[in-house]
Amino acid sequence: ILKGVNMTDMATYGSLFEDLSDDLDKMPNVKEMFEQVPTAKKI
């Protein structure tokens, strides 16, 4: 889903979605973004 779900949704329906915290090595662009822009990961 692009754009349509938010952190409020995840508080209740998080189990429907993949936890991506352990998939960063398979998303090198995302991993680099989090390293260069820590706020992006924090939010």
PDB file of all heavy atoms in Angstrom:
ATOM      1  N   ILE A   1       0.855  -1.182   0.000  1.00  0.00           N
ATOM      2  CA  ILE A   1       0.000   0.000   0.000  1.00  0.00           C
ATOM      3  C   ILE A   1       0.894   1.235   0.000  1.00  0.00           C
ATOM      4  O   ILE A   1       1.816   1.349   0.807  1.00  0.00           O
ATOM      5  CB  ILE A   1      -0.925   0.036   1.228  1.00  0.00           C
ATOM      6  CG1 ILE A   1      -1.911  -1.145   1.191  1.00  0.00           C
ATOM      7  CG2 ILE A   1      -1.708   1.347   1.276  1.00  0.00           C
ATOM      8  CD1 ILE A   1      -2.836  -1.207   2.391  1.00  0.00           C
ATOM      9  N   LEU A   2       0.620   2.146  -0.925  1.00  0.00           N
ATOM     10  CA  LEU A   2       1.350   3.409  -0.981  1.00  0.00           C
ATOM     11  C   LEU A   2       0.486   4.524  -0.407  1.00  0.00           C
ATOM     12  O   LEU A   2      -0.671   4.686  -0.809  1.00  0.00           O
ATOM     13  CB  LEU A   2       1.732   3.757  -2.422  1.00  0.00           C
ATOM     14  CG  LEU A   2       2.544   2.728  -3.203  1.00  0.00           C
ATOM     15  CD1 LEU A   2       2.951   3.315  -4.557  1.00  0.00           C
ATOM     16  CD2 LEU A   2       3.778   2.296  -2.429  1.00  0.00           C
ATOM     17  N   LYS A   3       1.024   5.210   0.562  1.00  0.00           N
ATOM     18  CA  LYS A   3       0.452   6.417   1.151  1.00  0.00           C
ATOM     19  C   LYS A   3      -0.721   6.185   2.078  1.00  0.00           C
ATOM     20  O   LYS A   3      -0.936   6.941   3.026  1.00  0.00           O
ATOM     21  CB  LYS A   3       0.060   7.407   0.039  1.00  0.00           C
ATOM     22  CG  LYS A   3      -0.327   8.799   0.502  1.00  0.00           C
ATOM     23  CD  LYS A   3      -1.810   8.995   0.600  1.00  0.00           C
ATOM     24  CE  LYS A   3      -2.179  10.408   1.042  1.00  0.00           C
ATOM     25  NZ  LYS A   3      -3.631  10.610   1.101  1.00  0.00           N
ATOM     26  N   GLY A   4      -1.483   5.121   1.911  1.00  0.00           N
ATOM     27  CA  GLY A   4      -2.788   5.067   2.536  1.00  0.00           C
ATOM     28  C   GLY A   4      -2.891   4.586   3.959  1.00  0.00           C
ATOM     29  O   GLY A   4      -3.975   4.596   4.531  1.00  0.00           O
ATOM     30  N   VAL A   5      -1.797   4.113   4.585  1.00  0.00           N
ATOM     31  CA  VAL A   5      -1.881   3.676   5.972  1.00  0.00           C
ATOM     32  C   VAL A   5      -0.938   4.513   6.824  1.00  0.00           C
ATOM     33  O   VAL A   5       0.092   4.990   6.341  1.00  0.00           O
ATOM     34  CB  VAL A   5      -1.547   2.173   6.130  1.00  0.00           C
ATOM     35  CG1 VAL A   5      -2.625   1.324   5.478  1.00  0.00           C
ATOM     36  CG2 VAL A   5      -0.195   1.831   5.551  1.00  0.00           C
ATOM     37  N   ASN A   6      -1.288   4.667   8.097  1.00  0.00           N
ATOM     38  CA  ASN A   6      -0.507   5.540   8.960  1.00  0.00           C
ATOM     39  C   ASN A   6      -0.185   4.859  10.282  1.00  0.00           C
ATOM     40  O   ASN A   6      -0.577   3.712  10.520  1.00  0.00           O
ATOM     41  CB  ASN A   6      -1.235   6.863   9.182  1.00  0.00           C
ATOM     42  CG  ASN A   6      -2.650   6.656   9.705  1.00  0.00           C
ATOM     43  OD1 ASN A   6      -2.879   5.898  10.645  1.00  0.00           O
ATOM     44  ND2 ASN A   6      -3.606   7.338   9.089  1.00  0.00           N
ATOM     45  N   MET A   7       0.520   5.558  11.143  1.00  0.00           N
ATOM     46  CA  MET A   7       0.945   4.973  12.405  1.00  0.00           C
ATOM     47  C   MET A   7      -0.244   4.660  13.317  1.00  0.00           C
ATOM     48  O   MET A   7      -0.183   3.731  14.121  1.00  0.00           O
ATOM     49  CB  MET A   7       1.922   5.918  13.115  1.00  0.00           C
ATOM     50  CG  MET A   7       3.176   6.226  12.307  1.00  0.00           C
ATOM     51  SD  MET A   7       4.168   4.769  11.901  1.00  0.00           S
ATOM     52  CE  MET A   7       4.917   4.427  13.486  1.00  0.00           C
ATOM     53  N   THR A   8      -1.318   5.416  13.155  1.00  0.00           N
ATOM     54  CA  THR A   8      -2.523   5.109  13.913  1.00  0.00           C
ATOM     55  C   THR A   8      -3.065   3.741  13.526  1.00  0.00           C
ATOM     56  O   THR A   8      -3.468   2.946  14.383  1.00  0.00           O
ATOM     57  CB  THR A   8      -3.589   6.189  13.664  1.00  0.00           C
ATOM     58  OG1 THR A   8      -3.065   7.458  14.036  1.00  0.00           O
ATOM     59  CG2 THR A   8      -4.848   5.903  14.456  1.00  0.00           C
ATOM     60  N   ASP A   9      -3.063   3.443  12.225  1.00  0.00           N
ATOM     61  CA  ASP A   9      -3.504   2.128  11.760  1.00  0.00           C
ATOM     62  C   ASP A   9      -2.633   1.024  12.346  1.00  0.00           C
ATOM     63  O   ASP A   9      -3.131  -0.034  12.752  1.00  0.00           O
ATOM     64  CB  ASP A   9      -3.437   2.052  10.231  1.00  0.00           C
ATOM     65  CG  ASP A   9      -4.404   3.001   9.552  1.00  0.00           C
ATOM     66  OD1 ASP A   9      -5.504   3.213  10.093  1.00  0.00           O
ATOM     67  OD2 ASP A   9      -4.059   3.522   8.487  1.00  0.00           O
ATOM     68  N   MET A  10      -1.333   1.272  12.390  1.00  0.00           N
ATOM     69  CA  MET A  10      -0.408   0.233  12.837  1.00  0.00           C
ATOM     70  C   MET A  10      -0.585  -0.091  14.315  1.00  0.00           C
ATOM     71  O   MET A  10      -0.294  -1.203  14.758  1.00  0.00           O
ATOM     72  CB  MET A  10       1.031   0.658  12.561  1.00  0.00           C
ATOM     73  CG  MET A  10       1.355   0.725  11.080  1.00  0.00           C
ATOM     74  SD  MET A  10       0.995  -0.814  10.217  1.00  0.00           S
ATOM     75  CE  MET A  10       1.003  -0.256   8.516  1.00  0.00           C
ATOM     76  N   ALA A  11      -1.069   0.884  15.081  1.00  0.00           N
ATOM     77  CA  ALA A  11      -1.284   0.628  16.498  1.00  0.00           C
ATOM     78  C   ALA A  11      -2.312  -0.471  16.710  1.00  0.00           C
ATOM     79  O   ALA A  11      -2.271  -1.202  17.708  1.00  0.00           O
ATOM     80  CB  ALA A  11      -1.736   1.914  17.191  1.00  0.00           C
ATOM     81  N   THR A  12      -3.237  -0.616  15.762  1.00  0.00           N
ATOM     82  CA  THR A  12      -4.286  -1.625  15.877  1.00  0.00           C
ATOM     83  C   THR A  12      -4.102  -2.789  14.904  1.00  0.00           C
ATOM     84  O   THR A  12      -4.350  -3.943  15.250  1.00  0.00           O
ATOM     85  CB  THR A  12      -5.673  -0.983  15.624  1.00  0.00           C
ATOM     86  OG1 THR A  12      -5.846   0.110  16.526  1.00  0.00           O
ATOM     87  CG2 THR A  12      -6.795  -1.988  15.818  1.00  0.00           C
ATOM     88  N   TYR A  13      -3.622  -2.494  13.687  1.00  0.00           N
ATOM     89  CA  TYR A  13      -3.583  -3.510  12.635  1.00  0.00           C
ATOM     90  C   TYR A  13      -2.160  -3.856  12.189  1.00  0.00           C
ATOM     91  O   TYR A  13      -1.952  -4.363  11.084  1.00  0.00           O
ATOM     92  CB  TYR A  13      -4.393  -3.033  11.426  1.00  0.00           C
ATOM     93  CG  TYR A  13      -5.841  -2.774  11.746  1.00  0.00           C
ATOM     94  CD1 TYR A  13      -6.324  -1.469  11.869  1.00  0.00           C
ATOM     95  CD2 TYR A  13      -6.729  -3.828  11.944  1.00  0.00           C
ATOM     96  CE1 TYR A  13      -7.660  -1.222  12.172  1.00  0.00           C
ATOM     97  CE2 TYR A  13      -8.066  -3.586  12.245  1.00  0.00           C
ATOM     98  CZ  TYR A  13      -8.528  -2.284  12.355  1.00  0.00           C
ATOM     99  OH  TYR A  13      -9.846  -2.047  12.658  1.00  0.00           O
ATOM    100  N   GLY A  14      -1.189  -3.582  13.031  1.00  0.00           N
ATOM    101  CA  GLY A  14       0.198  -3.830  12.655  1.00  0.00           C
ATOM    102  C   GLY A  14       0.479  -5.269  12.269  1.00  0.00           C
ATOM    103  O   GLY A  14       1.360  -5.541  11.430  1.00  0.00           O
ATOM    104  N   SER A  15      -0.252  -6.221  12.819  1.00  0.00           N
ATOM    105  CA  SER A  15      -0.003  -7.635  12.519  1.00  0.00           C
ATOM    106  C   SER A  15      -0.303  -7.986  11.063  1.00  0.00           C
ATOM    107  O   SER A  15       0.157  -9.019  10.568  1.00  0.00           O
ATOM    108  CB  SER A  15      -0.848  -8.520  13.439  1.00  0.00           C
ATOM    109  OG  SER A  15      -2.237  -8.290  13.231  1.00  0.00           O
ATOM    110  N   LEU A  16      -1.061  -7.137  10.354  1.00  0.00           N
ATOM    111  CA  LEU A  16      -1.363  -7.387   8.942  1.00  0.00           C
ATOM    112  C   LEU A  16      -0.211  -7.006   8.029  1.00  0.00           C
ATOM    113  O   LEU A  16      -0.237  -7.338   6.839  1.00  0.00           O
ATOM    114  CB  LEU A  16      -2.615  -6.600   8.531  1.00  0.00           C
ATOM    115  CG  LEU A  16      -3.926  -6.943   9.240  1.00  0.00           C
ATOM    116  CD1 LEU A  16      -5.036  -6.031   8.739  1.00  0.00           C
ATOM    117  CD2 LEU A  16      -4.287  -8.402   9.031  1.00  0.00           C
ATOM    118  N   PHE A  17       0.797  -6.326   8.591  1.00  0.00           N
ATOM    119  CA  PHE A  17       1.870  -5.791   7.767  1.00  0.00           C
ATOM    120  C   PHE A  17       3.227  -6.346   8.172  1.00  0.00           C
ATOM    121  O   PHE A  17       3.452  -6.714   9.335  1.00  0.00           O
ATOM    122  CB  PHE A  17       1.875  -4.255   7.841  1.00  0.00           C
ATOM    123  CG  PHE A  17       0.636  -3.641   7.260  1.00  0.00           C
ATOM    124  CD1 PHE A  17      -0.467  -3.385   8.055  1.00  0.00           C
ATOM    125  CD2 PHE A  17       0.566  -3.341   5.917  1.00  0.00           C
ATOM    126  CE1 PHE A  17      -1.625  -2.837   7.532  1.00  0.00           C
ATOM    127  CE2 PHE A  17      -0.594  -2.789   5.367  1.00  0.00           C
ATOM    128  CZ  PHE A  17      -1.692  -2.538   6.170  1.00  0.00           C
ATOM    129  N   GLU A  18       4.121  -6.392   7.205  1.00  0.00           N
ATOM    130  CA  GLU A  18       5.457  -6.921   7.408  1.00  0.00           C
ATOM    131  C   GLU A  18       6.292  -5.966   8.265  1.00  0.00           C
ATOM    132  O   GLU A  18       6.281  -4.750   8.047  1.00  0.00           O
ATOM    133  CB  GLU A  18       6.147  -7.101   6.048  1.00  0.00           C
ATOM    134  CG  GLU A  18       7.478  -7.803   6.096  1.00  0.00           C
ATOM    135  CD  GLU A  18       7.364  -9.279   6.433  1.00  0.00           C
ATOM    136  OE1 GLU A  18       6.300  -9.879   6.170  1.00  0.00           O
ATOM    137  OE2 GLU A  18       8.355  -9.826   6.958  1.00  0.00           O
ATOM    138  N   ASP A  19       6.985  -6.538   9.257  1.00  0.00           N
ATOM    139  CA  ASP A  19       7.960  -5.768  10.018  1.00  0.00           C
ATOM    140  C   ASP A  19       9.227  -5.695   9.172  1.00  0.00           C
ATOM    141  O   ASP A  19       9.887  -6.698   8.915  1.00  0.00           O
ATOM    142  CB  ASP A  19       8.241  -6.441  11.358  1.00  0.00           C
ATOM    143  CG  ASP A  19       9.373  -5.774  12.128  1.00  0.00           C
ATOM    144  OD1 ASP A  19       9.711  -4.608  11.799  1.00  0.00           O
ATOM    145  OD2 ASP A  19       9.905  -6.417  13.052  1.00  0.00           O
ATOM    146  N   LEU A  20       9.562  -4.495   8.725  1.00  0.00           N
ATOM    147  CA  LEU A  20      10.673  -4.303   7.792  1.00  0.00           C
ATOM    148  C   LEU A  20      11.995  -4.011   8.480  1.00  0.00           C
ATOM    149  O   LEU A  20      13.010  -3.818   7.807  1.00  0.00           O
ATOM    150  CB  LEU A  20      10.334  -3.164   6.824  1.00  0.00           C
ATOM    151  CG  LEU A  20       9.064  -3.379   5.980  1.00  0.00           C
ATOM    152  CD1 LEU A  20       8.725  -2.111   5.206  1.00  0.00           C
ATOM    153  CD2 LEU A  20       9.245  -4.557   5.037  1.00  0.00           C
ATOM    154  N   SER A  21      11.998  -4.012   9.809  1.00  0.00           N
ATOM    155  CA  SER A  21      13.224  -3.648  10.527  1.00  0.00           C
ATOM    156  C   SER A  21      14.353  -4.647  10.289  1.00  0.00           C
ATOM    157  O   SER A  21      15.527  -4.266  10.364  1.00  0.00           O
ATOM    158  CB  SER A  21      12.938  -3.527  12.025  1.00  0.00           C
ATOM    159  OG  SER A  21      12.513  -4.771  12.557  1.00  0.00           O
ATOM    160  N   ASP A  22      14.010  -5.915   9.996  1.00  0.00           N
ATOM    161  CA  ASP A  22      15.051  -6.915   9.759  1.00  0.00           C
ATOM    162  C   ASP A  22      15.230  -7.215   8.277  1.00  0.00           C
ATOM    163  O   ASP A  22      15.846  -8.226   7.898  1.00  0.00           O
ATOM    164  CB  ASP A  22      14.738  -8.208  10.524  1.00  0.00           C
ATOM    165  CG  ASP A  22      13.363  -8.770  10.206  1.00  0.00           C
ATOM    166  OD1 ASP A  22      12.640  -8.149   9.390  1.00  0.00           O
ATOM    167  OD2 ASP A  22      13.007  -9.822  10.772  1.00  0.00           O
ATOM    168  N   ASP A  23      14.676  -6.344   7.406  1.00  0.00           N
ATOM    169  CA  ASP A  23      14.802  -6.531   5.955  1.00  0.00           C
ATOM    170  C   ASP A  23      15.629  -5.431   5.296  1.00  0.00           C
ATOM    171  O   ASP A  23      15.655  -5.328   4.060  1.00  0.00           O
ATOM    172  CB  ASP A  23      13.413  -6.557   5.307  1.00  0.00           C
ATOM    173  CG  ASP A  23      12.593  -7.761   5.725  1.00  0.00           C
ATOM    174  OD1 ASP A  23      13.138  -8.883   5.694  1.00  0.00           O
ATOM    175  OD2 ASP A  23      11.411  -7.578   6.090  1.00  0.00           O
ATOM    176  N   LEU A  24      16.291  -4.626   6.088  1.00  0.00           N
ATOM    177  CA  LEU A  24      16.982  -3.469   5.524  1.00  0.00           C
ATOM    178  C   LEU A  24      18.132  -3.861   4.606  1.00  0.00           C
ATOM    179  O   LEU A  24      18.431  -3.149   3.641  1.00  0.00           O
ATOM    180  CB  LEU A  24      17.478  -2.551   6.644  1.00  0.00           C
ATOM    181  CG  LEU A  24      16.381  -1.912   7.513  1.00  0.00           C
ATOM    182  CD1 LEU A  24      17.000  -1.028   8.581  1.00  0.00           C
ATOM    183  CD2 LEU A  24      15.402  -1.113   6.656  1.00  0.00           C
ATOM    184  N   ASP A  25      18.789  -4.979   4.873  1.00  0.00           N
ATOM    185  CA  ASP A  25      19.887  -5.407   4.006  1.00  0.00           C
ATOM    186  C   ASP A  25      19.400  -5.717   2.597  1.00  0.00           C
ATOM    187  O   ASP A  25      20.179  -5.663   1.640  1.00  0.00           O
ATOM    188  CB  ASP A  25      20.590  -6.632   4.600  1.00  0.00           C
ATOM    189  CG  ASP A  25      21.457  -6.280   5.806  1.00  0.00           C
ATOM    190  OD1 ASP A  25      21.849  -5.091   5.920  1.00  0.00           O
ATOM    191  OD2 ASP A  25      21.723  -7.164   6.625  1.00  0.00           O
ATOM    192  N   LYS A  26      18.126  -6.070   2.467  1.00  0.00           N
ATOM    193  CA  LYS A  26      17.551  -6.350   1.152  1.00  0.00           C
ATOM    194  C   LYS A  26      16.995  -5.083   0.502  1.00  0.00           C
ATOM    195  O   LYS A  26      16.495  -5.148  -0.627  1.00  0.00           O
ATOM    196  CB  LYS A  26      16.455  -7.402   1.279  1.00  0.00           C
ATOM    197  CG  LYS A  26      16.980  -8.761   1.764  1.00  0.00           C
ATOM    198  CD  LYS A  26      15.866  -9.776   1.888  1.00  0.00           C
ATOM    199  CE  LYS A  26      16.422 -11.117   2.373  1.00  0.00           C
ATOM    200  NZ  LYS A  26      15.347 -12.137   2.535  1.00  0.00           N
ATOM    201  N   MET A  27      17.071  -3.980   1.209  1.00  0.00           N
ATOM    202  CA  MET A  27      16.644  -2.678   0.678  1.00  0.00           C
ATOM    203  C   MET A  27      17.777  -1.680   0.910  1.00  0.00           C
ATOM    204  O   MET A  27      17.693  -0.805   1.769  1.00  0.00           O
ATOM    205  CB  MET A  27      15.354  -2.213   1.358  1.00  0.00           C
ATOM    206  CG  MET A  27      14.159  -3.117   1.161  1.00  0.00           C
ATOM    207  SD  MET A  27      12.625  -2.456   1.923  1.00  0.00           S
ATOM    208  CE  MET A  27      13.051  -2.623   3.676  1.00  0.00           C
ATOM    209  N   PRO A  28      18.874  -1.810   0.150  1.00  0.00           N
ATOM    210  CA  PRO A  28      20.050  -0.971   0.421  1.00  0.00           C
ATOM    211  C   PRO A  28      19.783   0.532   0.314  1.00  0.00           C
ATOM    212  O   PRO A  28      20.405   1.314   1.036  1.00  0.00           O
ATOM    213  CB  PRO A  28      21.062  -1.436  -0.628  1.00  0.00           C
ATOM    214  CG  PRO A  28      20.255  -2.155  -1.670  1.00  0.00           C
ATOM    215  CD  PRO A  28      19.097  -2.763  -0.945  1.00  0.00           C
ATOM    216  N   ASN A  29      18.870   0.947  -0.569  1.00  0.00           N
ATOM    217  CA  ASN A  29      18.547   2.369  -0.657  1.00  0.00           C
ATOM    218  C   ASN A  29      17.899   2.862   0.634  1.00  0.00           C
ATOM    219  O   ASN A  29      18.204   3.954   1.130  1.00  0.00           O
ATOM    220  CB  ASN A  29      17.612   2.642  -1.835  1.00  0.00           C
ATOM    221  CG  ASN A  29      18.290   2.526  -3.180  1.00  0.00           C
ATOM    222  OD1 ASN A  29      19.484   2.786  -3.305  1.00  0.00           O
ATOM    223  ND2 ASN A  29      17.534   2.121  -4.194  1.00  0.00           N
ATOM    224  N   VAL A  30      17.006   2.052   1.171  1.00  0.00           N
ATOM    225  CA  VAL A  30      16.333   2.409   2.410  1.00  0.00           C
ATOM    226  C   VAL A  30      17.324   2.407   3.571  1.00  0.00           C
ATOM    227  O   VAL A  30      17.319   3.322   4.416  1.00  0.00           O
ATOM    228  CB  VAL A  30      15.173   1.436   2.704  1.00  0.00           C
ATOM    229  CG1 VAL A  30      14.526   1.765   4.047  1.00  0.00           C
ATOM    230  CG2 VAL A  30      14.144   1.488   1.590  1.00  0.00           C
ATOM    231  N   LYS A  31      18.177   1.409   3.607  1.00  0.00           N
ATOM    232  CA  LYS A  31      19.178   1.324   4.669  1.00  0.00           C
ATOM    233  C   LYS A  31      20.094   2.544   4.645  1.00  0.00           C
ATOM    234  O   LYS A  31      20.404   3.134   5.699  1.00  0.00           O
ATOM    235  CB  LYS A  31      19.994   0.048   4.510  1.00  0.00           C
ATOM    236  CG  LYS A  31      21.010  -0.179   5.619  1.00  0.00           C
ATOM    237  CD  LYS A  31      21.741  -1.502   5.422  1.00  0.00           C
ATOM    238  CE  LYS A  31      22.742  -1.748   6.554  1.00  0.00           C
ATOM    239  NZ  LYS A  31      23.459  -3.044   6.390  1.00  0.00           N
ATOM    240  N   GLU A  32      20.511   2.940   3.443  1.00  0.00           N
ATOM    241  CA  GLU A  32      21.373   4.114   3.315  1.00  0.00           C
ATOM    242  C   GLU A  32      20.634   5.384   3.746  1.00  0.00           C
ATOM    243  O   GLU A  32      21.213   6.257   4.398  1.00  0.00           O
ATOM    244  CB  GLU A  32      21.855   4.252   1.870  1.00  0.00           C
ATOM    245  CG  GLU A  32      22.824   5.415   1.668  1.00  0.00           C
ATOM    246  CD  GLU A  32      23.226   5.593   0.214  1.00  0.00           C
ATOM    247  OE1 GLU A  32      22.731   4.847  -0.651  1.00  0.00           O
ATOM    248  OE2 GLU A  32      24.029   6.507  -0.065  1.00  0.00           O
ATOM    249  N   MET A  33      19.352   5.477   3.388  1.00  0.00           N
ATOM    250  CA  MET A  33      18.560   6.638   3.797  1.00  0.00           C
ATOM    251  C   MET A  33      18.503   6.742   5.318  1.00  0.00           C
ATOM    252  O   MET A  33      18.699   7.823   5.890  1.00  0.00           O
ATOM    253  CB  MET A  33      17.145   6.539   3.230  1.00  0.00           C
ATOM    254  CG  MET A  33      16.193   7.641   3.682  1.00  0.00           C
ATOM    255  SD  MET A  33      14.534   7.521   2.947  1.00  0.00           S
ATOM    256  CE  MET A  33      13.951   5.968   3.667  1.00  0.00           C
ATOM    257  N   PHE A  34      18.274   5.616   5.985  1.00  0.00           N
ATOM    258  CA  PHE A  34      18.195   5.626   7.444  1.00  0.00           C
ATOM    259  C   PHE A  34      19.541   5.998   8.069  1.00  0.00           C
ATOM    260  O   PHE A  34      19.588   6.654   9.116  1.00  0.00           O
ATOM    261  CB  PHE A  34      17.749   4.264   7.950  1.00  0.00           C
ATOM    262  CG  PHE A  34      16.273   3.988   7.782  1.00  0.00           C
ATOM    263  CD1 PHE A  34      15.781   2.697   7.921  1.00  0.00           C
ATOM    264  CD2 PHE A  34      15.382   5.009   7.498  1.00  0.00           C
ATOM    265  CE1 PHE A  34      14.423   2.431   7.783  1.00  0.00           C
ATOM    266  CE2 PHE A  34      14.022   4.755   7.346  1.00  0.00           C
ATOM    267  CZ  PHE A  34      13.555   3.464   7.498  1.00  0.00           C
ATOM    268  N   GLU A  35      20.636   5.585   7.439  1.00  0.00           N
ATOM    269  CA  GLU A  35      21.963   5.918   7.966  1.00  0.00           C
ATOM    270  C   GLU A  35      22.280   7.389   7.770  1.00  0.00           C
ATOM    271  O   GLU A  35      22.862   8.034   8.655  1.00  0.00           O
ATOM    272  CB  GLU A  35      23.028   5.046   7.278  1.00  0.00           C
ATOM    273  CG  GLU A  35      22.948   3.573   7.670  1.00  0.00           C
ATOM    274  CD  GLU A  35      23.868   2.698   6.838  1.00  0.00           C
ATOM    275  OE1 GLU A  35      24.388   3.203   5.799  1.00  0.00           O
ATOM    276  OE2 GLU A  35      24.069   1.516   7.196  1.00  0.00           O
ATOM    277  N   GLN A  36      21.915   7.937   6.622  1.00  0.00           N
ATOM    278  CA  GLN A  36      22.236   9.331   6.327  1.00  0.00           C
ATOM    279  C   GLN A  36      21.227  10.313   6.935  1.00  0.00           C
ATOM    280  O   GLN A  36      21.568  11.472   7.208  1.00  0.00           O
ATOM    281  CB  GLN A  36      22.311   9.546   4.810  1.00  0.00           C
ATOM    282  CG  GLN A  36      23.483   8.831   4.152  1.00  0.00           C
ATOM    283  CD  GLN A  36      23.731   9.326   2.737  1.00  0.00           C
ATOM    284  OE1 GLN A  36      23.308  10.418   2.350  1.00  0.00           O
ATOM    285  NE2 GLN A  36      24.438   8.528   1.946  1.00  0.00           N
ATOM    286  N   VAL A  37      20.000   9.845   7.123  1.00  0.00           N
ATOM    287  CA  VAL A  37      18.951  10.714   7.667  1.00  0.00           C
ATOM    288  C   VAL A  37      18.314   9.994   8.850  1.00  0.00           C
ATOM    289  O   VAL A  37      17.249   9.383   8.730  1.00  0.00           O
ATOM    290  CB  VAL A  37      17.878  11.038   6.600  1.00  0.00           C
ATOM    291  CG1 VAL A  37      16.953  12.147   7.095  1.00  0.00           C
ATOM    292  CG2 VAL A  37      18.511  11.419   5.278  1.00  0.00           C
ATOM    293  N   PRO A  38      18.934  10.053  10.028  1.00  0.00           N
ATOM    294  CA  PRO A  38      18.417   9.320  11.192  1.00  0.00           C
ATOM    295  C   PRO A  38      16.972   9.659  11.546  1.00  0.00           C
ATOM    296  O   PRO A  38      16.233   8.792  12.030  1.00  0.00           O
ATOM    297  CB  PRO A  38      19.375   9.737  12.313  1.00  0.00           C
ATOM    298  CG  PRO A  38      20.636  10.117  11.616  1.00  0.00           C
ATOM    299  CD  PRO A  38      20.207  10.740  10.325  1.00  0.00           C
ATOM    300  N   THR A  39      16.554  10.896  11.287  1.00  0.00           N
ATOM    301  CA  THR A  39      15.181  11.268  11.582  1.00  0.00           C
ATOM    302  C   THR A  39      14.190  10.435  10.781  1.00  0.00           C
ATOM    303  O   THR A  39      13.095  10.114  11.273  1.00  0.00           O
ATOM    304  CB  THR A  39      14.949  12.762  11.299  1.00  0.00           C
ATOM    305  OG1 THR A  39      15.811  13.543  12.127  1.00  0.00           O
ATOM    306  CG2 THR A  39      13.508  13.168  11.585  1.00  0.00           C
ATOM    307  N   ALA A  40      14.569  10.069   9.562  1.00  0.00           N
ATOM    308  CA  ALA A  40      13.679   9.263   8.727  1.00  0.00           C
ATOM    309  C   ALA A  40      13.363   7.929   9.387  1.00  0.00           C
ATOM    310  O   ALA A  40      12.229   7.434   9.330  1.00  0.00           O
ATOM    311  CB  ALA A  40      14.308   9.035   7.355  1.00  0.00           C
ATOM    312  N   LYS A  41      14.356   7.342  10.019  1.00  0.00           N
ATOM    313  CA  LYS A  41      14.138   6.076  10.722  1.00  0.00           C
ATOM    314  C   LYS A  41      13.390   6.298  12.028  1.00  0.00           C
ATOM    315  O   LYS A  41      12.496   5.522  12.400  1.00  0.00           O
ATOM    316  CB  LYS A  41      15.482   5.385  10.996  1.00  0.00           C
ATOM    317  CG  LYS A  41      15.346   3.996  11.609  1.00  0.00           C
ATOM    318  CD  LYS A  41      16.698   3.317  11.750  1.00  0.00           C
ATOM    319  CE  LYS A  41      16.542   1.899  12.304  1.00  0.00           C
ATOM    320  NZ  LYS A  41      17.857   1.215  12.451  1.00  0.00           N
ATOM    321  N   LYS A  42      13.716   7.363  12.702  1.00  0.00           N
ATOM    322  CA  LYS A  42      13.109   7.656  14.002  1.00  0.00           C
ATOM    323  C   LYS A  42      11.593   7.802  13.895  1.00  0.00           C
ATOM    324  O   LYS A  42      10.842   7.301  14.751  1.00  0.00           O
ATOM    325  CB  LYS A  42      13.717   8.930  14.576  1.00  0.00           C
ATOM    326  CG  LYS A  42      13.155   9.372  15.913  1.00  0.00           C
ATOM    327  CD  LYS A  42      13.875  10.632  16.397  1.00  0.00           C
ATOM    328  CE  LYS A  42      13.342  11.099  17.736  1.00  0.00           C
ATOM    329  NZ  LYS A  42      14.057  12.294  18.249  1.00  0.00           N
ATOM    330  N   ILE A  43      11.108   8.439  12.843  1.00  0.00           N
ATOM    331  CA  ILE A  43       9.681   8.745  12.761  1.00  0.00           C
ATOM    332  C   ILE A  43       8.829   7.531  12.407  1.00  0.00           C
ATOM    333  O   ILE A  43       7.591   7.594  12.521  1.00  0.00           O
ATOM    334  CB  ILE A  43       9.408   9.882  11.755  1.00  0.00           C
ATOM    335  CG1 ILE A  43       9.767   9.458  10.330  1.00  0.00           C
ATOM    336  CG2 ILE A  43      10.135  11.143  12.170  1.00  0.00           C
ATOM    337  CD1 ILE A  43       9.431  10.504   9.280  1.00  0.00           C
TER     338      ILE A  43
END
